[in-house]
Amino acid sequence: IINCEKAVLTGTRENVFAKYKAKQSPRDVTHKPIVYKMPDMLVR
């Protein structure tokens, strides 16, 4: 897959950011999901 940074996430901008902010919130440090900021890892 090439041009991963140009893939489109659907939904409003606020909802997309709220979803990823919620994943990054410090709930349980040992079981926190890994959220990548690099577009190729996000697609993968």
ModelCIF file with pLDDT and N, C-alpha, C, O atoms, coordinates in Angstrom:
data_MODEL
#
_entry.id   MODEL 
#
_entity.id                         1 
_entity.type                       polymer 
_entity.pdbx_number_of_molecules   1 
#
_entity_poly.entity_id                      1 
_entity_poly.type                           'polypeptide(L)' 
_entity_poly.nstd_linkage                   no 
_entity_poly.nstd_monomer                   no 
_entity_poly.pdbx_seq_one_letter_code       IINCEKAVLTGTRENVFAKYKAKQSPRDVTHKPIVYKMPDMLVR 
_entity_poly.pdbx_seq_one_letter_code_can   IINCEKAVLTGTRENVFAKYKAKQSPRDVTHKPIVYKMPDMLVR 
_entity_poly.pdbx_strand_id                 A 
#
loop_
_entity_poly_seq.entity_id 
_entity_poly_seq.num 
_entity_poly_seq.mon_id 
_entity_poly_seq.hetero 
1 1  ILE n 
1 2  ILE n 
1 3  ASN n 
1 4  CYS n 
1 5  GLU n 
1 6  LYS n 
1 7  ALA n 
1 8  VAL n 
1 9  LEU n 
1 10 THR n 
1 11 GLY n 
1 12 THR n 
1 13 ARG n 
1 14 GLU n 
1 15 ASN n 
1 16 VAL n 
1 17 PHE n 
1 18 ALA n 
1 19 LYS n 
1 20 TYR n 
1 21 LYS n 
1 22 ALA n 
1 23 LYS n 
1 24 GLN n 
1 25 SER n 
1 26 PRO n 
1 27 ARG n 
1 28 ASP n 
1 29 VAL n 
1 30 THR n 
1 31 HIS n 
1 32 LYS n 
1 33 PRO n 
1 34 ILE n 
1 35 VAL n 
1 36 TYR n 
1 37 LYS n 
1 38 MET n 
1 39 PRO n 
1 40 ASP n 
1 41 MET n 
1 42 LEU n 
1 43 VAL n 
1 44 ARG n 
#
_struct_asym.id          A 
_struct_asym.entity_id   1 
#
loop_
_ma_qa_metric.id 
_ma_qa_metric.mode 
_ma_qa_metric.name 
_ma_qa_metric.software_group_id 
_ma_qa_metric.type 
1 global pLDDT . pLDDT 
2 local  pLDDT . pLDDT 
#
_ma_qa_metric_global.metric_id      1 
_ma_qa_metric_global.metric_value   81.18 
_ma_qa_metric_global.model_id       1 
_ma_qa_metric_global.ordinal_id     1 
#
loop_
_ma_qa_metric_local.label_asym_id 
_ma_qa_metric_local.label_comp_id 
_ma_qa_metric_local.label_seq_id 
_ma_qa_metric_local.metric_id 
_ma_qa_metric_local.metric_value 
_ma_qa_metric_local.model_id 
_ma_qa_metric_local.ordinal_id 
A ILE 1  2 95.00 1 1  
A ILE 2  2 94.00 1 2  
A ASN 3  2 93.00 1 3  
A CYS 4  2 91.00 1 4  
A GLU 5  2 91.00 1 5  
A LYS 6  2 91.00 1 6  
A ALA 7  2 91.00 1 7  
A VAL 8  2 90.00 1 8  
A LEU 9  2 87.00 1 9  
A THR 10 2 87.00 1 10 
A GLY 11 2 83.00 1 11 
A THR 12 2 88.00 1 12 
A ARG 13 2 87.00 1 13 
A GLU 14 2 90.00 1 14 
A ASN 15 2 88.00 1 15 
A VAL 16 2 82.00 1 16 
A PHE 17 2 83.00 1 17 
A ALA 18 2 87.00 1 18 
A LYS 19 2 80.00 1 19 
A TYR 20 2 77.00 1 20 
A LYS 21 2 78.00 1 21 
A ALA 22 2 77.00 1 22 
A LYS 23 2 73.00 1 23 
A GLN 24 2 71.00 1 24 
A SER 25 2 69.00 1 25 
A PRO 26 2 68.00 1 26 
A ARG 27 2 68.00 1 27 
A ASP 28 2 65.00 1 28 
A VAL 29 2 66.00 1 29 
A THR 30 2 68.00 1 30 
A HIS 31 2 67.00 1 31 
A LYS 32 2 64.00 1 32 
A PRO 33 2 68.00 1 33 
A ILE 34 2 68.00 1 34 
A VAL 35 2 70.00 1 35 
A TYR 36 2 74.00 1 36 
A LYS 37 2 77.00 1 37 
A MET 38 2 87.00 1 38 
A PRO 39 2 87.00 1 39 
A ASP 40 2 90.00 1 40 
A MET 41 2 90.00 1 41 
A LEU 42 2 88.00 1 42 
A VAL 43 2 92.00 1 43 
A ARG 44 2 92.00 1 44 
#
loop_
_atom_site.group_PDB 
_atom_site.id 
_atom_site.type_symbol 
_atom_site.label_atom_id 
_atom_site.label_alt_id 
_atom_site.label_comp_id 
_atom_site.label_asym_id 
_atom_site.label_entity_id 
_atom_site.label_seq_id 
_atom_site.pdbx_PDB_ins_code 
_atom_site.Cartn_x 
_atom_site.Cartn_y 
_atom_site.Cartn_z 
_atom_site.occupancy 
_atom_site.B_iso_or_equiv 
_atom_site.pdbx_formal_charge 
_atom_site.auth_seq_id 
_atom_site.auth_comp_id 
_atom_site.auth_asym_id 
_atom_site.auth_atom_id 
_atom_site.pdbx_PDB_model_num 
ATOM 1   N N  . ILE A 1 1  ? 0.859   -1.175 0.000  1.00 95.00 ? 1  ILE A N  1 
ATOM 2   C CA . ILE A 1 1  ? 0.000   0.000  0.000  1.00 95.00 ? 1  ILE A CA 1 
ATOM 3   C C  . ILE A 1 1  ? 0.898   1.228  0.000  1.00 95.00 ? 1  ILE A C  1 
ATOM 4   O O  . ILE A 1 1  ? 1.740   1.393  0.882  1.00 95.00 ? 1  ILE A O  1 
ATOM 5   N N  . ILE A 1 2  ? 0.712   2.084  -0.992 1.00 94.00 ? 2  ILE A N  1 
ATOM 6   C CA . ILE A 1 2  ? 1.510   3.310  -1.085 1.00 94.00 ? 2  ILE A CA 1 
ATOM 7   C C  . ILE A 1 2  ? 0.614   4.509  -0.799 1.00 94.00 ? 2  ILE A C  1 
ATOM 8   O O  . ILE A 1 2  ? -0.609  4.402  -0.885 1.00 94.00 ? 2  ILE A O  1 
ATOM 9   N N  . ASN A 1 3  ? 1.202   5.635  -0.466 1.00 93.00 ? 3  ASN A N  1 
ATOM 10  C CA . ASN A 1 3  ? 0.505   6.880  -0.120 1.00 93.00 ? 3  ASN A CA 1 
ATOM 11  C C  . ASN A 1 3  ? -0.456  6.689  1.054  1.00 93.00 ? 3  ASN A C  1 
ATOM 12  O O  . ASN A 1 3  ? -1.608  7.116  0.989  1.00 93.00 ? 3  ASN A O  1 
ATOM 13  N N  . CYS A 1 4  ? 0.011   6.055  2.116  1.00 91.00 ? 4  CYS A N  1 
ATOM 14  C CA . CYS A 1 4  ? -0.845  5.810  3.283  1.00 91.00 ? 4  CYS A CA 1 
ATOM 15  C C  . CYS A 1 4  ? -1.283  7.111  3.947  1.00 91.00 ? 4  CYS A C  1 
ATOM 16  O O  . CYS A 1 4  ? -2.356  7.169  4.548  1.00 91.00 ? 4  CYS A O  1 
ATOM 17  N N  . GLU A 1 5  ? -0.470  8.146  3.843  1.00 91.00 ? 5  GLU A N  1 
ATOM 18  C CA . GLU A 1 5  ? -0.825  9.407  4.500  1.00 91.00 ? 5  GLU A CA 1 
ATOM 19  C C  . GLU A 1 5  ? -1.991  10.104 3.816  1.00 91.00 ? 5  GLU A C  1 
ATOM 20  O O  . GLU A 1 5  ? -2.549  11.050 4.372  1.00 91.00 ? 5  GLU A O  1 
ATOM 21  N N  . LYS A 1 6  ? -2.373  9.654  2.613  1.00 91.00 ? 6  LYS A N  1 
ATOM 22  C CA . LYS A 1 6  ? -3.470  10.282 1.878  1.00 91.00 ? 6  LYS A CA 1 
ATOM 23  C C  . LYS A 1 6  ? -4.780  9.506  1.995  1.00 91.00 ? 6  LYS A C  1 
ATOM 24  O O  . LYS A 1 6  ? -5.758  9.855  1.334  1.00 91.00 ? 6  LYS A O  1 
ATOM 25  N N  . ALA A 1 7  ? -4.820  8.461  2.821  1.00 91.00 ? 7  ALA A N  1 
ATOM 26  C CA . ALA A 1 7  ? -6.066  7.719  3.050  1.00 91.00 ? 7  ALA A CA 1 
ATOM 27  C C  . ALA A 1 7  ? -7.014  8.598  3.868  1.00 91.00 ? 7  ALA A C  1 
ATOM 28  O O  . ALA A 1 7  ? -6.574  9.433  4.658  1.00 91.00 ? 7  ALA A O  1 
ATOM 29  N N  . VAL A 1 8  ? -8.307  8.403  3.671  1.00 90.00 ? 8  VAL A N  1 
ATOM 30  C CA . VAL A 1 8  ? -9.319  9.267  4.272  1.00 90.00 ? 8  VAL A CA 1 
ATOM 31  C C  . VAL A 1 8  ? -10.004 8.550  5.426  1.00 90.00 ? 8  VAL A C  1 
ATOM 32  O O  . VAL A 1 8  ? -10.425 7.401  5.291  1.00 90.00 ? 8  VAL A O  1 
ATOM 33  N N  . LEU A 1 9  ? -10.115 9.236  6.564  1.00 87.00 ? 9  LEU A N  1 
ATOM 34  C CA . LEU A 1 9  ? -10.900 8.754  7.693  1.00 87.00 ? 9  LEU A CA 1 
ATOM 35  C C  . LEU A 1 9  ? -12.259 9.429  7.608  1.00 87.00 ? 9  LEU A C  1 
ATOM 36  O O  . LEU A 1 9  ? -12.332 10.655 7.528  1.00 87.00 ? 9  LEU A O  1 
ATOM 37  N N  . THR A 1 10 ? -13.335 8.653  7.625  1.00 87.00 ? 10 THR A N  1 
ATOM 38  C CA . THR A 1 10 ? -14.664 9.244  7.504  1.00 87.00 ? 10 THR A CA 1 
ATOM 39  C C  . THR A 1 10 ? -15.159 9.710  8.865  1.00 87.00 ? 10 THR A C  1 
ATOM 40  O O  . THR A 1 10 ? -14.668 9.266  9.902  1.00 87.00 ? 10 THR A O  1 
ATOM 41  N N  . GLY A 1 11 ? -16.125 10.599 8.849  1.00 83.00 ? 11 GLY A N  1 
ATOM 42  C CA . GLY A 1 11 ? -16.683 11.170 10.069 1.00 83.00 ? 11 GLY A CA 1 
ATOM 43  C C  . GLY A 1 11 ? -16.274 12.620 10.198 1.00 83.00 ? 11 GLY A C  1 
ATOM 44  O O  . GLY A 1 11 ? -15.421 13.109 9.457  1.00 83.00 ? 11 GLY A O  1 
ATOM 45  N N  . THR A 1 12 ? -16.886 13.297 11.139 1.00 88.00 ? 12 THR A N  1 
ATOM 46  C CA . THR A 1 12 ? -16.529 14.693 11.344 1.00 88.00 ? 12 THR A CA 1 
ATOM 47  C C  . THR A 1 12 ? -15.165 14.779 12.013 1.00 88.00 ? 12 THR A C  1 
ATOM 48  O O  . THR A 1 12 ? -14.712 13.831 12.654 1.00 88.00 ? 12 THR A O  1 
ATOM 49  N N  . ARG A 1 13 ? -14.535 15.901 11.860 1.00 87.00 ? 13 ARG A N  1 
ATOM 50  C CA . ARG A 1 13 ? -13.203 16.099 12.407 1.00 87.00 ? 13 ARG A CA 1 
ATOM 51  C C  . ARG A 1 13 ? -13.203 15.938 13.928 1.00 87.00 ? 13 ARG A C  1 
ATOM 52  O O  . ARG A 1 13 ? -12.278 15.355 14.494 1.00 87.00 ? 13 ARG A O  1 
ATOM 53  N N  . GLU A 1 14 ? -14.244 16.458 14.587 1.00 90.00 ? 14 GLU A N  1 
ATOM 54  C CA . GLU A 1 14 ? -14.324 16.383 16.044 1.00 90.00 ? 14 GLU A CA 1 
ATOM 55  C C  . GLU A 1 14 ? -14.454 14.934 16.522 1.00 90.00 ? 14 GLU A C  1 
ATOM 56  O O  . GLU A 1 14 ? -13.826 14.543 17.505 1.00 90.00 ? 14 GLU A O  1 
ATOM 57  N N  . ASN A 1 15 ? -15.267 14.144 15.826 1.00 88.00 ? 15 ASN A N  1 
ATOM 58  C CA . ASN A 1 15 ? -15.466 12.745 16.236 1.00 88.00 ? 15 ASN A CA 1 
ATOM 59  C C  . ASN A 1 15 ? -14.205 11.919 16.051 1.00 88.00 ? 15 ASN A C  1 
ATOM 60  O O  . ASN A 1 15 ? -13.879 11.087 16.897 1.00 88.00 ? 15 ASN A O  1 
ATOM 61  N N  . VAL A 1 16 ? -13.487 12.142 14.945 1.00 82.00 ? 16 VAL A N  1 
ATOM 62  C CA . VAL A 1 16 ? -12.256 11.386 14.689 1.00 82.00 ? 16 VAL A CA 1 
ATOM 63  C C  . VAL A 1 16 ? -11.211 11.708 15.745 1.00 82.00 ? 16 VAL A C  1 
ATOM 64  O O  . VAL A 1 16 ? -10.564 10.806 16.277 1.00 82.00 ? 16 VAL A O  1 
ATOM 65  N N  . PHE A 1 17 ? -11.042 13.000 16.053 1.00 83.00 ? 17 PHE A N  1 
ATOM 66  C CA . PHE A 1 17 ? -10.053 13.381 17.060 1.00 83.00 ? 17 PHE A CA 1 
ATOM 67  C C  . PHE A 1 17 ? -10.470 12.916 18.448 1.00 83.00 ? 17 PHE A C  1 
ATOM 68  O O  . PHE A 1 17 ? -9.620  12.520 19.246 1.00 83.00 ? 17 PHE A O  1 
ATOM 69  N N  . ALA A 1 18 ? -11.764 12.956 18.750 1.00 87.00 ? 18 ALA A N  1 
ATOM 70  C CA . ALA A 1 18 ? -12.228 12.507 20.058 1.00 87.00 ? 18 ALA A CA 1 
ATOM 71  C C  . ALA A 1 18 ? -11.966 11.021 20.254 1.00 87.00 ? 18 ALA A C  1 
ATOM 72  O O  . ALA A 1 18 ? -11.619 10.590 21.353 1.00 87.00 ? 18 ALA A O  1 
ATOM 73  N N  . LYS A 1 19 ? -12.130 10.235 19.191 1.00 80.00 ? 19 LYS A N  1 
ATOM 74  C CA . LYS A 1 19 ? -11.894 8.798  19.279 1.00 80.00 ? 19 LYS A CA 1 
ATOM 75  C C  . LYS A 1 19 ? -10.430 8.493  19.604 1.00 80.00 ? 19 LYS A C  1 
ATOM 76  O O  . LYS A 1 19 ? -10.142 7.653  20.456 1.00 80.00 ? 19 LYS A O  1 
ATOM 77  N N  . TYR A 1 20 ? -9.505  9.179  18.920 1.00 77.00 ? 20 TYR A N  1 
ATOM 78  C CA . TYR A 1 20 ? -8.094  8.899  19.150 1.00 77.00 ? 20 TYR A CA 1 
ATOM 79  C C  . TYR A 1 20 ? -7.589  9.518  20.445 1.00 77.00 ? 20 TYR A C  1 
ATOM 80  O O  . TYR A 1 20 ? -6.662  8.984  21.053 1.00 77.00 ? 20 TYR A O  1 
ATOM 81  N N  . LYS A 1 21 ? -8.172  10.629 20.881 1.00 78.00 ? 21 LYS A N  1 
ATOM 82  C CA . LYS A 1 21 ? -7.819  11.197 22.184 1.00 78.00 ? 21 LYS A CA 1 
ATOM 83  C C  . LYS A 1 21 ? -8.247  10.260 23.301 1.00 78.00 ? 21 LYS A C  1 
ATOM 84  O O  . LYS A 1 21 ? -7.530  10.095 24.288 1.00 78.00 ? 21 LYS A O  1 
ATOM 85  N N  . ALA A 1 22 ? -9.432  9.635  23.145 1.00 77.00 ? 22 ALA A N  1 
ATOM 86  C CA . ALA A 1 22 ? -9.915  8.713  24.170 1.00 77.00 ? 22 ALA A CA 1 
ATOM 87  C C  . ALA A 1 22 ? -9.012  7.489  24.272 1.00 77.00 ? 22 ALA A C  1 
ATOM 88  O O  . ALA A 1 22 ? -8.809  6.955  25.363 1.00 77.00 ? 22 ALA A O  1 
ATOM 89  N N  . LYS A 1 23 ? -8.467  7.043  23.139 1.00 73.00 ? 23 LYS A N  1 
ATOM 90  C CA . LYS A 1 23 ? -7.556  5.894  23.180 1.00 73.00 ? 23 LYS A CA 1 
ATOM 91  C C  . LYS A 1 23 ? -6.246  6.237  23.868 1.00 73.00 ? 23 LYS A C  1 
ATOM 92  O O  . LYS A 1 23 ? -5.607  5.367  24.460 1.00 73.00 ? 23 LYS A O  1 
ATOM 93  N N  . GLN A 1 24 ? -5.840  7.502  23.796 1.00 71.00 ? 24 GLN A N  1 
ATOM 94  C CA . GLN A 1 24 ? -4.556  7.906  24.363 1.00 71.00 ? 24 GLN A CA 1 
ATOM 95  C C  . GLN A 1 24 ? -4.666  8.350  25.820 1.00 71.00 ? 24 GLN A C  1 
ATOM 96  O O  . GLN A 1 24 ? -3.646  8.604  26.460 1.00 71.00 ? 24 GLN A O  1 
ATOM 97  N N  . SER A 1 25 ? -5.875  8.447  26.352 1.00 69.00 ? 25 SER A N  1 
ATOM 98  C CA . SER A 1 25 ? -6.032  8.932  27.717 1.00 69.00 ? 25 SER A CA 1 
ATOM 99  C C  . SER A 1 25 ? -5.426  7.928  28.702 1.00 69.00 ? 25 SER A C  1 
ATOM 100 O O  . SER A 1 25 ? -5.506  6.720  28.479 1.00 69.00 ? 25 SER A O  1 
ATOM 101 N N  . PRO A 1 26 ? -4.828  8.416  29.779 1.00 68.00 ? 26 PRO A N  1 
ATOM 102 C CA . PRO A 1 26 ? -4.150  7.523  30.729 1.00 68.00 ? 26 PRO A CA 1 
ATOM 103 C C  . PRO A 1 26 ? -5.123  6.837  31.688 1.00 68.00 ? 26 PRO A C  1 
ATOM 104 O O  . PRO A 1 26 ? -5.266  7.260  32.835 1.00 68.00 ? 26 PRO A O  1 
ATOM 105 N N  . ARG A 1 27 ? -5.791  5.782  31.224 1.00 68.00 ? 27 ARG A N  1 
ATOM 106 C CA . ARG A 1 27 ? -6.692  5.025  32.093 1.00 68.00 ? 27 ARG A CA 1 
ATOM 107 C C  . ARG A 1 27 ? -5.897  4.005  32.884 1.00 68.00 ? 27 ARG A C  1 
ATOM 108 O O  . ARG A 1 27 ? -5.685  4.159  34.087 1.00 68.00 ? 27 ARG A O  1 
ATOM 109 N N  . ASP A 1 28 ? -5.465  2.972  32.204 1.00 65.00 ? 28 ASP A N  1 
ATOM 110 C CA . ASP A 1 28 ? -4.680  1.917  32.828 1.00 65.00 ? 28 ASP A CA 1 
ATOM 111 C C  . ASP A 1 28 ? -3.386  1.825  32.036 1.00 65.00 ? 28 ASP A C  1 
ATOM 112 O O  . ASP A 1 28 ? -3.394  1.411  30.877 1.00 65.00 ? 28 ASP A O  1 
ATOM 113 N N  . VAL A 1 29 ? -2.300  2.199  32.641 1.00 66.00 ? 29 VAL A N  1 
ATOM 114 C CA . VAL A 1 29 ? -1.032  2.315  31.931 1.00 66.00 ? 29 VAL A CA 1 
ATOM 115 C C  . VAL A 1 29 ? -0.551  0.969  31.407 1.00 66.00 ? 29 VAL A C  1 
ATOM 116 O O  . VAL A 1 29 ? 0.084   0.912  30.354 1.00 66.00 ? 29 VAL A O  1 
ATOM 117 N N  . THR A 1 30 ? -0.838  -0.107 32.116 1.00 68.00 ? 30 THR A N  1 
ATOM 118 C CA . THR A 1 30 ? -0.328  -1.407 31.689 1.00 68.00 ? 30 THR A CA 1 
ATOM 119 C C  . THR A 1 30 ? -1.120  -1.991 30.525 1.00 68.00 ? 30 THR A C  1 
ATOM 120 O O  . THR A 1 30 ? -0.566  -2.774 29.753 1.00 68.00 ? 30 THR A O  1 
ATOM 121 N N  . HIS A 1 31 ? -2.395  -1.640 30.370 1.00 67.00 ? 31 HIS A N  1 
ATOM 122 C CA . HIS A 1 31 ? -3.230  -2.202 29.317 1.00 67.00 ? 31 HIS A CA 1 
ATOM 123 C C  . HIS A 1 31 ? -3.691  -1.156 28.319 1.00 67.00 ? 31 HIS A C  1 
ATOM 124 O O  . HIS A 1 31 ? -4.711  -1.338 27.654 1.00 67.00 ? 31 HIS A O  1 
ATOM 125 N N  . LYS A 1 32 ? -2.963  -0.083 28.210 1.00 64.00 ? 32 LYS A N  1 
ATOM 126 C CA . LYS A 1 32 ? -3.335  0.991  27.307 1.00 64.00 ? 32 LYS A CA 1 
ATOM 127 C C  . LYS A 1 32 ? -3.087  0.561  25.857 1.00 64.00 ? 32 LYS A C  1 
ATOM 128 O O  . LYS A 1 32 ? -2.028  0.007  25.561 1.00 64.00 ? 32 LYS A O  1 
ATOM 129 N N  . PRO A 1 33 ? -4.040  0.804  24.946 1.00 68.00 ? 33 PRO A N  1 
ATOM 130 C CA . PRO A 1 33 ? -3.815  0.405  23.554 1.00 68.00 ? 33 PRO A CA 1 
ATOM 131 C C  . PRO A 1 33 ? -2.740  1.259  22.903 1.00 68.00 ? 33 PRO A C  1 
ATOM 132 O O  . PRO A 1 33 ? -2.566  2.427  23.250 1.00 68.00 ? 33 PRO A O  1 
ATOM 133 N N  . ILE A 1 34 ? -2.031  0.676  21.973 1.00 68.00 ? 34 ILE A N  1 
ATOM 134 C CA . ILE A 1 34 ? -0.977  1.396  21.262 1.00 68.00 ? 34 ILE A CA 1 
ATOM 135 C C  . ILE A 1 34 ? -1.601  2.139  20.098 1.00 68.00 ? 34 ILE A C  1 
ATOM 136 O O  . ILE A 1 34 ? -2.227  1.533  19.228 1.00 68.00 ? 34 ILE A O  1 
ATOM 137 N N  . VAL A 1 35 ? -1.430  3.456  20.082 1.00 70.00 ? 35 VAL A N  1 
ATOM 138 C CA . VAL A 1 35 ? -1.954  4.279  19.003 1.00 70.00 ? 35 VAL A CA 1 
ATOM 139 C C  . VAL A 1 35 ? -0.761  4.920  18.305 1.00 70.00 ? 35 VAL A C  1 
ATOM 140 O O  . VAL A 1 35 ? -0.038  5.717  18.904 1.00 70.00 ? 35 VAL A O  1 
ATOM 141 N N  . TYR A 1 36 ? -0.560  4.575  17.050 1.00 74.00 ? 36 TYR A N  1 
ATOM 142 C CA . TYR A 1 36 ? 0.560   5.099  16.298 1.00 74.00 ? 36 TYR A CA 1 
ATOM 143 C C  . TYR A 1 36 ? 0.199   6.424  15.656 1.00 74.00 ? 36 TYR A C  1 
ATOM 144 O O  . TYR A 1 36 ? -0.946  6.631  15.252 1.00 74.00 ? 36 TYR A O  1 
ATOM 145 N N  . LYS A 1 37 ? 1.163   7.316  15.559 1.00 77.00 ? 37 LYS A N  1 
ATOM 146 C CA . LYS A 1 37 ? 0.955   8.598  14.900 1.00 77.00 ? 37 LYS A CA 1 
ATOM 147 C C  . LYS A 1 37 ? 1.444   8.572  13.460 1.00 77.00 ? 37 LYS A C  1 
ATOM 148 O O  . LYS A 1 37 ? 1.087   9.440  12.664 1.00 77.00 ? 37 LYS A O  1 
ATOM 149 N N  . MET A 1 38 ? 2.259   7.582  13.125 1.00 87.00 ? 38 MET A N  1 
ATOM 150 C CA . MET A 1 38 ? 2.738   7.472  11.753 1.00 87.00 ? 38 MET A CA 1 
ATOM 151 C C  . MET A 1 38 ? 1.614   6.898  10.882 1.00 87.00 ? 38 MET A C  1 
ATOM 152 O O  . MET A 1 38 ? 0.990   5.909  11.268 1.00 87.00 ? 38 MET A O  1 
ATOM 153 N N  . PRO A 1 39 ? 1.345   7.494  9.721  1.00 87.00 ? 39 PRO A N  1 
ATOM 154 C CA . PRO A 1 39 ? 0.215   7.032  8.916  1.00 87.00 ? 39 PRO A CA 1 
ATOM 155 C C  . PRO A 1 39 ? 0.362   5.608  8.403  1.00 87.00 ? 39 PRO A C  1 
ATOM 156 O O  . PRO A 1 39 ? -0.636  4.899  8.277  1.00 87.00 ? 39 PRO A O  1 
ATOM 157 N N  . ASP A 1 40 ? 1.577   5.172  8.105  1.00 90.00 ? 40 ASP A N  1 
ATOM 158 C CA . ASP A 1 40 ? 1.739   3.813  7.600  1.00 90.00 ? 40 ASP A CA 1 
ATOM 159 C C  . ASP A 1 40 ? 1.434   2.778  8.686  1.00 90.00 ? 40 ASP A C  1 
ATOM 160 O O  . ASP A 1 40 ? 0.870   1.725  8.390  1.00 90.00 ? 40 ASP A O  1 
ATOM 161 N N  . MET A 1 41 ? 1.794   3.062  9.927  1.00 90.00 ? 41 MET A N  1 
ATOM 162 C CA . MET A 1 41 ? 1.491   2.137  11.008 1.00 90.00 ? 41 MET A CA 1 
ATOM 163 C C  . MET A 1 41 ? 0.007   2.160  11.367 1.00 90.00 ? 41 MET A C  1 
ATOM 164 O O  . MET A 1 41 ? -0.546  1.138  11.773 1.00 90.00 ? 41 MET A O  1 
ATOM 165 N N  . LEU A 1 42 ? -0.644  3.323  11.219 1.00 88.00 ? 42 LEU A N  1 
ATOM 166 C CA . LEU A 1 42 ? -2.077  3.409  11.467 1.00 88.00 ? 42 LEU A CA 1 
ATOM 167 C C  . LEU A 1 42 ? -2.844  2.534  10.484 1.00 88.00 ? 42 LEU A C  1 
ATOM 168 O O  . LEU A 1 42 ? -3.787  1.842  10.868 1.00 88.00 ? 42 LEU A O  1 
ATOM 169 N N  . VAL A 1 43 ? -2.441  2.564  9.218  1.00 92.00 ? 43 VAL A N  1 
ATOM 170 C CA . VAL A 1 43 ? -3.081  1.729  8.196  1.00 92.00 ? 43 VAL A CA 1 
ATOM 171 C C  . VAL A 1 43 ? -2.786  0.260  8.469  1.00 92.00 ? 43 VAL A C  1 
ATOM 172 O O  . VAL A 1 43 ? -3.676  -0.583 8.355  1.00 92.00 ? 43 VAL A O  1 
ATOM 173 N N  . ARG A 1 44 ? -1.568  -0.045 8.823  1.00 92.00 ? 44 ARG A N  1 
ATOM 174 C CA . ARG A 1 44 ? -1.185  -1.434 9.064  1.00 92.00 ? 44 ARG A CA 1 
ATOM 175 C C  . ARG A 1 44 ? -1.930  -2.036 10.258 1.00 92.00 ? 44 ARG A C  1 
ATOM 176 O O  . ARG A 1 44 ? -1.719  -3.202 10.593 1.00 92.00 ? 44 ARG A O  1 
#
